[in-house]
N, C-alpha and C. Protein backbone atom coordinates (compact mmCIF):
# COMPACT_ATOMS: atom_id res chain seq x y z
N MET A 1 -36.64 -50.47 198.53
CA MET A 1 -37.83 -50.23 197.74
C MET A 1 -38.19 -51.47 196.92
N ALA A 2 -37.21 -52.05 196.27
CA ALA A 2 -37.44 -53.25 195.46
C ALA A 2 -37.86 -54.42 196.36
N ASP A 3 -37.28 -54.49 197.57
CA ASP A 3 -37.65 -55.55 198.52
C ASP A 3 -39.12 -55.45 198.90
N LYS A 4 -39.60 -54.23 199.08
CA LYS A 4 -40.99 -54.01 199.46
C LYS A 4 -41.93 -54.50 198.37
N GLN A 5 -41.58 -54.22 197.11
CA GLN A 5 -42.42 -54.64 195.99
C GLN A 5 -42.44 -56.17 195.87
N ILE A 6 -41.31 -56.80 196.10
CA ILE A 6 -41.23 -58.26 196.04
C ILE A 6 -42.10 -58.87 197.13
N LYS A 7 -42.04 -58.32 198.34
CA LYS A 7 -42.85 -58.85 199.44
C LYS A 7 -44.34 -58.69 199.15
N GLU A 8 -44.72 -57.53 198.61
CA GLU A 8 -46.12 -57.31 198.27
C GLU A 8 -46.59 -58.30 197.22
N LYS A 9 -45.73 -58.58 196.23
CA LYS A 9 -46.06 -59.52 195.17
C LYS A 9 -46.25 -60.93 195.75
N GLU A 10 -45.36 -61.31 196.70
CA GLU A 10 -45.45 -62.63 197.34
C GLU A 10 -46.74 -62.75 198.14
N VAL A 11 -47.11 -61.69 198.83
CA VAL A 11 -48.33 -61.70 199.63
C VAL A 11 -49.54 -61.88 198.73
N LYS A 12 -49.58 -61.16 197.59
CA LYS A 12 -50.69 -61.27 196.65
C LYS A 12 -50.77 -62.68 196.07
N GLU A 13 -49.62 -63.25 195.73
CA GLU A 13 -49.60 -64.60 195.17
C GLU A 13 -50.07 -65.62 196.19
N SER A 14 -49.63 -65.47 197.44
CA SER A 14 -50.02 -66.44 198.47
C SER A 14 -51.51 -66.33 198.78
N SER A 15 -52.07 -65.11 198.74
CA SER A 15 -53.50 -64.97 199.01
C SER A 15 -54.33 -65.58 197.87
N SER A 16 -53.86 -65.45 196.64
CA SER A 16 -54.58 -66.07 195.52
C SER A 16 -54.45 -67.59 195.57
N ALA A 17 -53.32 -68.09 196.06
CA ALA A 17 -53.14 -69.53 196.21
C ALA A 17 -54.09 -70.07 197.28
N LYS A 18 -54.27 -69.30 198.37
CA LYS A 18 -55.20 -69.72 199.43
C LYS A 18 -56.63 -69.74 198.92
N ALA A 19 -56.97 -68.77 198.09
CA ALA A 19 -58.33 -68.73 197.52
C ALA A 19 -58.58 -69.95 196.63
N ALA A 20 -57.57 -70.36 195.88
CA ALA A 20 -57.70 -71.55 195.03
C ALA A 20 -57.86 -72.81 195.88
N GLU A 21 -57.13 -72.87 197.01
CA GLU A 21 -57.23 -74.01 197.91
C GLU A 21 -58.63 -74.08 198.54
N ASP A 22 -59.20 -72.91 198.88
CA ASP A 22 -60.52 -72.88 199.50
C ASP A 22 -61.58 -73.44 198.56
N LYS A 23 -61.43 -73.22 197.26
CA LYS A 23 -62.37 -73.76 196.29
C LYS A 23 -62.29 -75.28 196.24
N ASP A 24 -61.07 -75.81 196.41
CA ASP A 24 -60.88 -77.26 196.37
C ASP A 24 -61.38 -77.95 197.64
N LYS A 25 -61.48 -77.19 198.75
CA LYS A 25 -61.91 -77.78 200.01
C LYS A 25 -63.36 -78.23 199.90
N VAL A 26 -63.67 -79.25 200.68
CA VAL A 26 -65.02 -79.80 200.69
C VAL A 26 -65.90 -78.92 201.58
N SER A 27 -67.12 -78.67 201.13
CA SER A 27 -68.03 -77.87 201.94
C SER A 27 -68.78 -78.77 202.90
N TYR A 28 -69.07 -78.24 204.09
CA TYR A 28 -69.78 -79.00 205.10
C TYR A 28 -70.57 -78.06 206.01
N TYR A 29 -71.53 -78.65 206.71
CA TYR A 29 -72.32 -77.95 207.72
C TYR A 29 -71.90 -78.52 209.07
N GLU A 30 -71.63 -77.64 210.03
CA GLU A 30 -71.09 -78.06 211.31
C GLU A 30 -71.97 -77.56 212.45
N ALA A 31 -72.12 -78.39 213.49
CA ALA A 31 -72.87 -77.99 214.67
C ALA A 31 -72.39 -78.77 215.88
N VAL A 32 -72.66 -78.21 217.05
CA VAL A 32 -72.27 -78.84 218.31
C VAL A 32 -73.52 -79.23 219.07
N GLY A 33 -73.51 -80.44 219.64
CA GLY A 33 -74.62 -80.91 220.47
C GLY A 33 -74.08 -81.35 221.82
N ARG A 34 -74.95 -81.26 222.84
CA ARG A 34 -74.51 -81.64 224.19
C ARG A 34 -75.60 -82.40 224.92
N ARG A 35 -75.18 -83.28 225.82
CA ARG A 35 -76.07 -83.96 226.74
C ARG A 35 -75.27 -84.38 227.97
N LYS A 36 -75.80 -84.09 229.15
CA LYS A 36 -75.10 -84.32 230.41
C LYS A 36 -73.69 -83.72 230.30
N THR A 37 -72.65 -84.52 230.46
CA THR A 37 -71.29 -83.97 230.35
C THR A 37 -70.66 -84.30 229.01
N ALA A 38 -71.43 -84.89 228.10
CA ALA A 38 -70.90 -85.25 226.78
C ALA A 38 -71.17 -84.13 225.79
N SER A 39 -70.24 -83.96 224.85
CA SER A 39 -70.46 -83.01 223.76
C SER A 39 -69.99 -83.64 222.46
N ALA A 40 -70.65 -83.26 221.37
CA ALA A 40 -70.34 -83.83 220.06
C ALA A 40 -70.32 -82.73 219.02
N ARG A 41 -69.37 -82.81 218.10
CA ARG A 41 -69.29 -81.89 216.97
C ARG A 41 -69.54 -82.70 215.71
N ALA A 42 -70.60 -82.36 215.01
CA ALA A 42 -70.98 -83.10 213.80
C ALA A 42 -70.72 -82.25 212.56
N ARG A 43 -70.21 -82.88 211.53
CA ARG A 43 -70.01 -82.23 210.24
C ARG A 43 -70.73 -83.05 209.17
N LEU A 44 -71.61 -82.38 208.44
CA LEU A 44 -72.32 -83.01 207.34
C LEU A 44 -71.65 -82.55 206.05
N TYR A 45 -70.91 -83.44 205.41
CA TYR A 45 -70.18 -83.11 204.18
C TYR A 45 -71.08 -83.29 202.97
N VAL A 46 -71.05 -82.30 202.09
CA VAL A 46 -71.79 -82.38 200.84
C VAL A 46 -70.88 -83.06 199.83
N VAL A 47 -71.20 -84.30 199.48
CA VAL A 47 -70.38 -85.09 198.56
C VAL A 47 -70.99 -84.97 197.17
N LYS A 48 -70.18 -84.48 196.24
CA LYS A 48 -70.70 -84.27 194.88
C LYS A 48 -70.41 -85.46 193.98
N ASP A 49 -69.15 -85.76 193.73
CA ASP A 49 -68.82 -86.81 192.76
C ASP A 49 -68.27 -88.06 193.45
N ALA A 50 -67.00 -87.99 193.81
CA ALA A 50 -66.33 -89.17 194.38
C ALA A 50 -66.36 -89.09 195.91
N ALA A 51 -65.78 -90.10 196.52
CA ALA A 51 -65.70 -90.15 197.98
C ALA A 51 -64.72 -89.10 198.48
N ILE A 52 -64.95 -88.61 199.67
CA ILE A 52 -64.04 -87.65 200.29
C ILE A 52 -63.26 -88.37 201.39
N THR A 53 -62.17 -87.75 201.85
CA THR A 53 -61.39 -88.36 202.92
C THR A 53 -61.63 -87.61 204.22
N ILE A 54 -62.00 -88.35 205.25
CA ILE A 54 -62.18 -87.79 206.59
C ILE A 54 -61.22 -88.52 207.50
N SER A 55 -60.32 -87.77 208.09
CA SER A 55 -59.24 -88.29 208.95
C SER A 55 -58.51 -89.45 208.28
N GLY A 56 -58.19 -89.27 207.00
CA GLY A 56 -57.39 -90.23 206.25
C GLY A 56 -58.14 -91.42 205.70
N LYS A 57 -59.45 -91.49 205.89
CA LYS A 57 -60.23 -92.62 205.39
C LYS A 57 -61.24 -92.13 204.35
N PRO A 58 -61.37 -92.85 203.24
CA PRO A 58 -62.35 -92.44 202.23
C PRO A 58 -63.78 -92.72 202.73
N VAL A 59 -64.64 -91.73 202.58
CA VAL A 59 -66.02 -91.84 203.04
C VAL A 59 -66.95 -91.43 201.90
N GLU A 60 -67.98 -92.23 201.66
CA GLU A 60 -68.94 -91.95 200.60
C GLU A 60 -70.23 -91.42 201.20
N LYS A 61 -71.16 -91.05 200.32
CA LYS A 61 -72.47 -90.57 200.76
C LYS A 61 -73.15 -91.62 201.63
N GLY A 62 -73.80 -91.16 202.68
CA GLY A 62 -74.54 -92.08 203.54
C GLY A 62 -73.72 -92.72 204.63
N GLU A 63 -72.40 -92.58 204.59
CA GLU A 63 -71.53 -93.17 205.62
C GLU A 63 -71.35 -92.20 206.77
N MET A 64 -71.08 -92.77 207.95
CA MET A 64 -70.92 -91.96 209.15
C MET A 64 -69.71 -92.44 209.93
N ILE A 65 -68.83 -91.50 210.29
CA ILE A 65 -67.63 -91.80 211.06
C ILE A 65 -67.75 -91.10 212.42
N VAL A 66 -67.53 -91.85 213.51
CA VAL A 66 -67.56 -91.27 214.86
C VAL A 66 -66.22 -91.53 215.51
N ASN A 67 -65.51 -90.48 215.85
CA ASN A 67 -64.17 -90.56 216.46
C ASN A 67 -63.23 -91.47 215.67
N GLY A 68 -63.28 -91.38 214.36
CA GLY A 68 -62.38 -92.15 213.49
C GLY A 68 -62.81 -93.58 213.22
N LYS A 69 -63.92 -94.02 213.80
CA LYS A 69 -64.42 -95.39 213.60
C LYS A 69 -65.75 -95.34 212.86
N PRO A 70 -66.10 -96.40 212.15
CA PRO A 70 -67.45 -96.46 211.57
C PRO A 70 -68.48 -96.43 212.70
N VAL A 71 -69.61 -95.79 212.45
CA VAL A 71 -70.61 -95.59 213.49
C VAL A 71 -71.12 -96.92 214.07
N GLU A 72 -71.15 -97.98 213.26
CA GLU A 72 -71.62 -99.28 213.73
C GLU A 72 -70.72 -99.86 214.81
N LYS A 73 -69.44 -99.52 214.75
CA LYS A 73 -68.49 -100.02 215.77
C LYS A 73 -68.51 -99.14 217.01
N PHE A 74 -68.72 -97.84 216.84
CA PHE A 74 -68.71 -96.93 217.99
C PHE A 74 -70.00 -97.04 218.80
N PHE A 75 -71.14 -97.07 218.10
CA PHE A 75 -72.44 -97.26 218.74
C PHE A 75 -73.02 -98.59 218.26
N PRO A 76 -72.64 -99.72 218.88
CA PRO A 76 -73.10 -101.02 218.38
C PRO A 76 -74.54 -101.31 218.77
N GLY A 77 -75.21 -102.10 217.96
CA GLY A 77 -76.56 -102.55 218.28
C GLY A 77 -77.64 -101.83 217.48
N GLU A 78 -78.78 -102.50 217.38
CA GLU A 78 -79.90 -101.98 216.60
C GLU A 78 -80.58 -100.79 217.26
N VAL A 79 -80.64 -100.78 218.58
CA VAL A 79 -81.30 -99.68 219.29
C VAL A 79 -80.54 -98.37 219.05
N PHE A 80 -79.23 -98.43 219.18
CA PHE A 80 -78.41 -97.24 218.92
C PHE A 80 -78.55 -96.80 217.47
N LYS A 81 -78.56 -97.78 216.55
CA LYS A 81 -78.65 -97.47 215.12
C LYS A 81 -79.94 -96.72 214.81
N LYS A 82 -81.04 -97.17 215.38
CA LYS A 82 -82.32 -96.48 215.17
C LYS A 82 -82.26 -95.05 215.67
N ARG A 83 -81.63 -94.85 216.81
CA ARG A 83 -81.60 -93.52 217.43
C ARG A 83 -80.75 -92.53 216.64
N TYR A 84 -79.54 -92.91 216.20
CA TYR A 84 -78.70 -91.94 215.51
C TYR A 84 -79.14 -91.70 214.07
N GLN A 85 -79.95 -92.60 213.51
CA GLN A 85 -80.47 -92.39 212.16
C GLN A 85 -81.78 -91.60 212.15
N GLU A 86 -82.39 -91.44 213.31
CA GLU A 86 -83.71 -90.80 213.38
C GLU A 86 -83.76 -89.37 212.83
N PRO A 87 -82.78 -88.49 213.11
CA PRO A 87 -82.84 -87.14 212.51
C PRO A 87 -82.84 -87.18 210.98
N PHE A 88 -82.09 -88.11 210.40
CA PHE A 88 -82.04 -88.23 208.94
C PHE A 88 -83.34 -88.83 208.40
N ARG A 89 -83.89 -89.79 209.14
CA ARG A 89 -85.13 -90.42 208.70
C ARG A 89 -86.29 -89.42 208.71
N THR A 90 -86.36 -88.57 209.73
CA THR A 90 -87.47 -87.62 209.82
C THR A 90 -87.38 -86.51 208.77
N THR A 91 -86.17 -86.21 208.31
CA THR A 91 -86.00 -85.16 207.30
C THR A 91 -85.78 -85.71 205.89
N ASN A 92 -85.86 -87.03 205.73
CA ASN A 92 -85.66 -87.70 204.43
C ASN A 92 -84.31 -87.35 203.79
N THR A 93 -83.24 -87.40 204.57
CA THR A 93 -81.89 -87.12 204.07
C THR A 93 -80.95 -88.27 204.41
N MET A 94 -81.43 -89.50 204.33
CA MET A 94 -80.65 -90.65 204.79
C MET A 94 -79.30 -90.79 204.10
N SER A 95 -79.23 -90.73 202.80
CA SER A 95 -77.94 -90.94 202.12
C SER A 95 -77.52 -89.71 201.34
N ARG A 96 -77.79 -88.54 201.91
CA ARG A 96 -77.46 -87.30 201.22
C ARG A 96 -76.09 -86.75 201.62
N PHE A 97 -75.62 -87.09 202.82
CA PHE A 97 -74.37 -86.54 203.35
C PHE A 97 -73.40 -87.64 203.78
N ALA A 98 -72.12 -87.26 203.81
CA ALA A 98 -71.13 -88.06 204.52
C ALA A 98 -70.95 -87.36 205.86
N VAL A 99 -70.98 -88.11 206.94
CA VAL A 99 -71.02 -87.51 208.27
C VAL A 99 -69.78 -87.86 209.07
N SER A 100 -69.23 -86.84 209.73
CA SER A 100 -68.10 -87.03 210.64
C SER A 100 -68.49 -86.45 211.99
N VAL A 101 -68.33 -87.23 213.06
CA VAL A 101 -68.68 -86.77 214.40
C VAL A 101 -67.49 -86.98 215.31
N THR A 102 -67.19 -85.97 216.12
CA THR A 102 -66.18 -86.08 217.17
C THR A 102 -66.89 -85.87 218.49
N THR A 103 -66.81 -86.84 219.38
CA THR A 103 -67.53 -86.75 220.64
C THR A 103 -66.59 -87.01 221.82
N THR A 104 -66.83 -86.28 222.91
CA THR A 104 -66.00 -86.42 224.11
C THR A 104 -66.88 -86.34 225.35
N GLY A 105 -66.34 -86.84 226.45
CA GLY A 105 -67.00 -86.71 227.74
C GLY A 105 -68.16 -87.67 227.92
N GLY A 106 -68.59 -87.84 229.17
CA GLY A 106 -69.75 -88.65 229.46
C GLY A 106 -69.57 -90.11 229.14
N GLY A 107 -70.68 -90.81 229.04
CA GLY A 107 -70.68 -92.22 228.69
C GLY A 107 -71.24 -92.43 227.30
N LEU A 108 -71.48 -93.66 226.95
CA LEU A 108 -71.92 -93.99 225.60
C LEU A 108 -73.31 -93.41 225.29
N THR A 109 -74.23 -93.50 226.24
CA THR A 109 -75.58 -92.98 226.03
C THR A 109 -75.56 -91.46 225.94
N GLY A 110 -74.78 -90.81 226.80
CA GLY A 110 -74.66 -89.35 226.75
C GLY A 110 -74.05 -88.89 225.44
N GLN A 111 -73.05 -89.62 224.96
CA GLN A 111 -72.42 -89.28 223.69
C GLN A 111 -73.39 -89.49 222.52
N LEU A 112 -74.23 -90.51 222.61
CA LEU A 112 -75.24 -90.73 221.57
C LEU A 112 -76.24 -89.58 221.56
N GLY A 113 -76.69 -89.17 222.73
CA GLY A 113 -77.62 -88.04 222.82
C GLY A 113 -77.01 -86.76 222.28
N ALA A 114 -75.74 -86.53 222.59
CA ALA A 114 -75.04 -85.34 222.09
C ALA A 114 -74.88 -85.41 220.57
N THR A 115 -74.62 -86.60 220.05
CA THR A 115 -74.48 -86.80 218.60
C THR A 115 -75.79 -86.49 217.89
N ILE A 116 -76.90 -86.98 218.42
CA ILE A 116 -78.22 -86.73 217.83
C ILE A 116 -78.52 -85.24 217.84
N HIS A 117 -78.21 -84.58 218.95
CA HIS A 117 -78.42 -83.13 219.07
C HIS A 117 -77.58 -82.38 218.04
N ALA A 118 -76.32 -82.77 217.89
CA ALA A 118 -75.43 -82.11 216.92
C ALA A 118 -75.89 -82.34 215.48
N LEU A 119 -76.30 -83.56 215.16
CA LEU A 119 -76.77 -83.86 213.81
C LEU A 119 -78.02 -83.04 213.48
N SER A 120 -78.91 -82.93 214.43
CA SER A 120 -80.14 -82.17 214.22
C SER A 120 -79.84 -80.69 214.00
N ARG A 121 -78.92 -80.15 214.79
CA ARG A 121 -78.57 -78.74 214.64
C ARG A 121 -77.86 -78.48 213.32
N ALA A 122 -77.07 -79.44 212.86
CA ALA A 122 -76.40 -79.29 211.56
C ALA A 122 -77.41 -79.37 210.42
N LEU A 123 -78.41 -80.23 210.55
CA LEU A 123 -79.45 -80.34 209.51
C LEU A 123 -80.24 -79.04 209.39
N ILE A 124 -80.42 -78.34 210.50
CA ILE A 124 -81.11 -77.05 210.45
C ILE A 124 -80.32 -76.05 209.62
N LYS A 125 -79.00 -76.12 209.69
CA LYS A 125 -78.17 -75.20 208.90
C LYS A 125 -78.29 -75.50 207.41
N VAL A 126 -78.65 -76.73 207.05
CA VAL A 126 -78.84 -77.09 205.65
C VAL A 126 -80.07 -76.38 205.10
N ASP A 127 -81.21 -76.54 205.79
CA ASP A 127 -82.46 -75.90 205.36
C ASP A 127 -83.31 -75.61 206.59
N ASN A 128 -83.19 -74.39 207.09
CA ASN A 128 -83.83 -74.00 208.34
C ASN A 128 -85.35 -74.05 208.26
N GLU A 129 -85.92 -73.47 207.23
CA GLU A 129 -87.38 -73.37 207.13
C GLU A 129 -88.06 -74.73 206.99
N LYS A 130 -87.41 -75.64 206.31
CA LYS A 130 -88.01 -76.95 206.06
C LYS A 130 -87.80 -77.92 207.23
N PHE A 131 -86.57 -77.99 207.77
CA PHE A 131 -86.23 -79.01 208.76
C PHE A 131 -86.51 -78.61 210.20
N ARG A 132 -86.42 -77.33 210.53
CA ARG A 132 -86.57 -76.91 211.93
C ARG A 132 -87.90 -77.33 212.57
N PRO A 133 -89.06 -77.07 211.91
CA PRO A 133 -90.32 -77.48 212.54
C PRO A 133 -90.43 -78.99 212.76
N ILE A 134 -89.91 -79.75 211.82
CA ILE A 134 -89.98 -81.22 211.92
C ILE A 134 -89.13 -81.71 213.09
N LEU A 135 -87.88 -81.23 213.15
CA LEU A 135 -86.96 -81.68 214.20
C LEU A 135 -87.38 -81.17 215.58
N LYS A 136 -87.91 -79.95 215.62
CA LYS A 136 -88.35 -79.38 216.89
C LYS A 136 -89.53 -80.16 217.45
N LYS A 137 -90.46 -80.55 216.58
CA LYS A 137 -91.63 -81.32 217.00
C LYS A 137 -91.22 -82.66 217.59
N ARG A 138 -90.19 -83.29 217.01
CA ARG A 138 -89.70 -84.58 217.49
C ARG A 138 -88.84 -84.46 218.74
N GLY A 139 -88.43 -83.23 219.11
CA GLY A 139 -87.65 -83.00 220.33
C GLY A 139 -86.16 -83.17 220.16
N PHE A 140 -85.66 -83.17 218.93
CA PHE A 140 -84.23 -83.37 218.70
C PHE A 140 -83.41 -82.10 218.94
N LEU A 141 -84.04 -80.95 218.95
CA LEU A 141 -83.30 -79.69 219.10
C LEU A 141 -83.16 -79.28 220.56
N MET A 142 -83.87 -79.96 221.45
CA MET A 142 -83.81 -79.58 222.86
C MET A 142 -82.62 -80.26 223.52
N ARG A 143 -81.80 -79.46 224.17
CA ARG A 143 -80.64 -80.01 224.87
C ARG A 143 -81.13 -80.62 226.17
N ASP A 144 -80.72 -81.84 226.45
CA ASP A 144 -81.12 -82.51 227.68
C ASP A 144 -80.16 -82.07 228.78
N PRO A 145 -80.61 -81.21 229.71
CA PRO A 145 -79.69 -80.63 230.69
C PRO A 145 -79.42 -81.51 231.91
N ARG A 146 -80.12 -82.65 232.00
CA ARG A 146 -79.97 -83.46 233.21
C ARG A 146 -78.53 -83.92 233.39
N ALA A 147 -78.03 -83.75 234.59
CA ALA A 147 -76.67 -84.16 234.91
C ALA A 147 -76.62 -84.62 236.36
N LYS A 148 -75.56 -85.31 236.71
CA LYS A 148 -75.41 -85.78 238.08
C LYS A 148 -75.27 -84.59 239.02
N GLN A 149 -75.96 -84.67 240.17
CA GLN A 149 -75.88 -83.61 241.16
C GLN A 149 -74.52 -83.62 241.84
N ARG A 150 -74.06 -82.45 242.24
CA ARG A 150 -72.78 -82.39 242.94
C ARG A 150 -72.95 -82.93 244.36
N ARG A 151 -71.85 -83.39 244.92
CA ARG A 151 -71.85 -83.91 246.28
C ARG A 151 -71.90 -82.75 247.26
N LYS A 152 -72.78 -82.85 248.25
CA LYS A 152 -72.89 -81.80 249.26
C LYS A 152 -72.06 -82.15 250.49
N ALA A 153 -71.49 -81.15 251.11
CA ALA A 153 -70.67 -81.35 252.30
C ALA A 153 -71.55 -81.80 253.47
N GLY A 154 -71.03 -82.71 254.28
CA GLY A 154 -71.75 -83.18 255.45
C GLY A 154 -72.70 -84.33 255.17
N PHE A 155 -72.82 -84.72 253.92
CA PHE A 155 -73.70 -85.83 253.57
C PHE A 155 -72.88 -87.12 253.54
N ALA A 156 -73.53 -88.24 253.29
CA ALA A 156 -72.85 -89.53 253.39
C ALA A 156 -72.24 -89.96 252.06
N GLY A 157 -71.42 -89.14 251.50
CA GLY A 157 -70.66 -89.53 250.31
C GLY A 157 -71.31 -89.25 248.98
N LYS A 158 -72.63 -89.21 248.90
CA LYS A 158 -73.31 -88.95 247.64
C LYS A 158 -74.14 -87.67 247.75
N ALA A 159 -74.77 -87.28 246.65
CA ALA A 159 -75.47 -86.00 246.60
C ALA A 159 -76.66 -85.93 247.56
N ARG A 160 -77.43 -87.01 247.66
CA ARG A 160 -78.63 -86.98 248.48
C ARG A 160 -78.60 -87.96 249.65
N ALA A 161 -77.57 -88.77 249.73
CA ALA A 161 -77.50 -89.76 250.81
C ALA A 161 -77.34 -89.06 252.16
N ARG A 162 -78.03 -89.58 253.16
CA ARG A 162 -77.95 -89.02 254.50
C ARG A 162 -77.19 -89.98 255.40
N LYS A 163 -76.53 -89.42 256.42
CA LYS A 163 -75.84 -90.25 257.39
C LYS A 163 -76.86 -90.98 258.25
N GLN A 164 -76.51 -92.19 258.66
CA GLN A 164 -77.41 -92.99 259.49
C GLN A 164 -77.48 -92.39 260.89
N SER A 165 -78.66 -92.37 261.43
CA SER A 165 -78.85 -91.85 262.78
C SER A 165 -78.30 -92.83 263.81
N PRO A 166 -77.60 -92.36 264.84
CA PRO A 166 -77.03 -93.27 265.83
C PRO A 166 -78.07 -93.76 266.85
N LYS A 167 -79.24 -93.12 266.89
CA LYS A 167 -80.26 -93.51 267.87
C LYS A 167 -80.94 -94.81 267.48
N ARG A 168 -81.46 -95.48 268.50
CA ARG A 168 -82.18 -96.74 268.23
C ARG A 168 -83.62 -96.61 268.62
């Protein structure tokens, strides 16, 4: 009987400890974006006072981490920079969040497209009524379904290639 009461007390204490930990956790908005065979999971962290740590690295407002690297190193060049900043530019939220993105599959362009899709979907979760019409009009919410066609049997190695005719 006494053992039962002790266990119940421990359970109550541990649940209250978990509740205290949840308050200390950083709040974020999360969404998944996809393009071709690439997929990306974006988290927009709401930074209040100091910098937060994402995968062991301190990140401040306006910074973006992709697969543990700064976004400038993962997506190098001005063209890429313009594209991944576009959802923030259209909604006027450039330095409002600290952003963490995890992307897999596909190539660099597919991963960039998936990242843009994920960022746009996460921004909708921030303020649906305000951001959705703007992002939808710009086409950031539409998933690009184009992918490589599968290889068909009896063809010449590729999806649409035909075997050469033996006749002359």
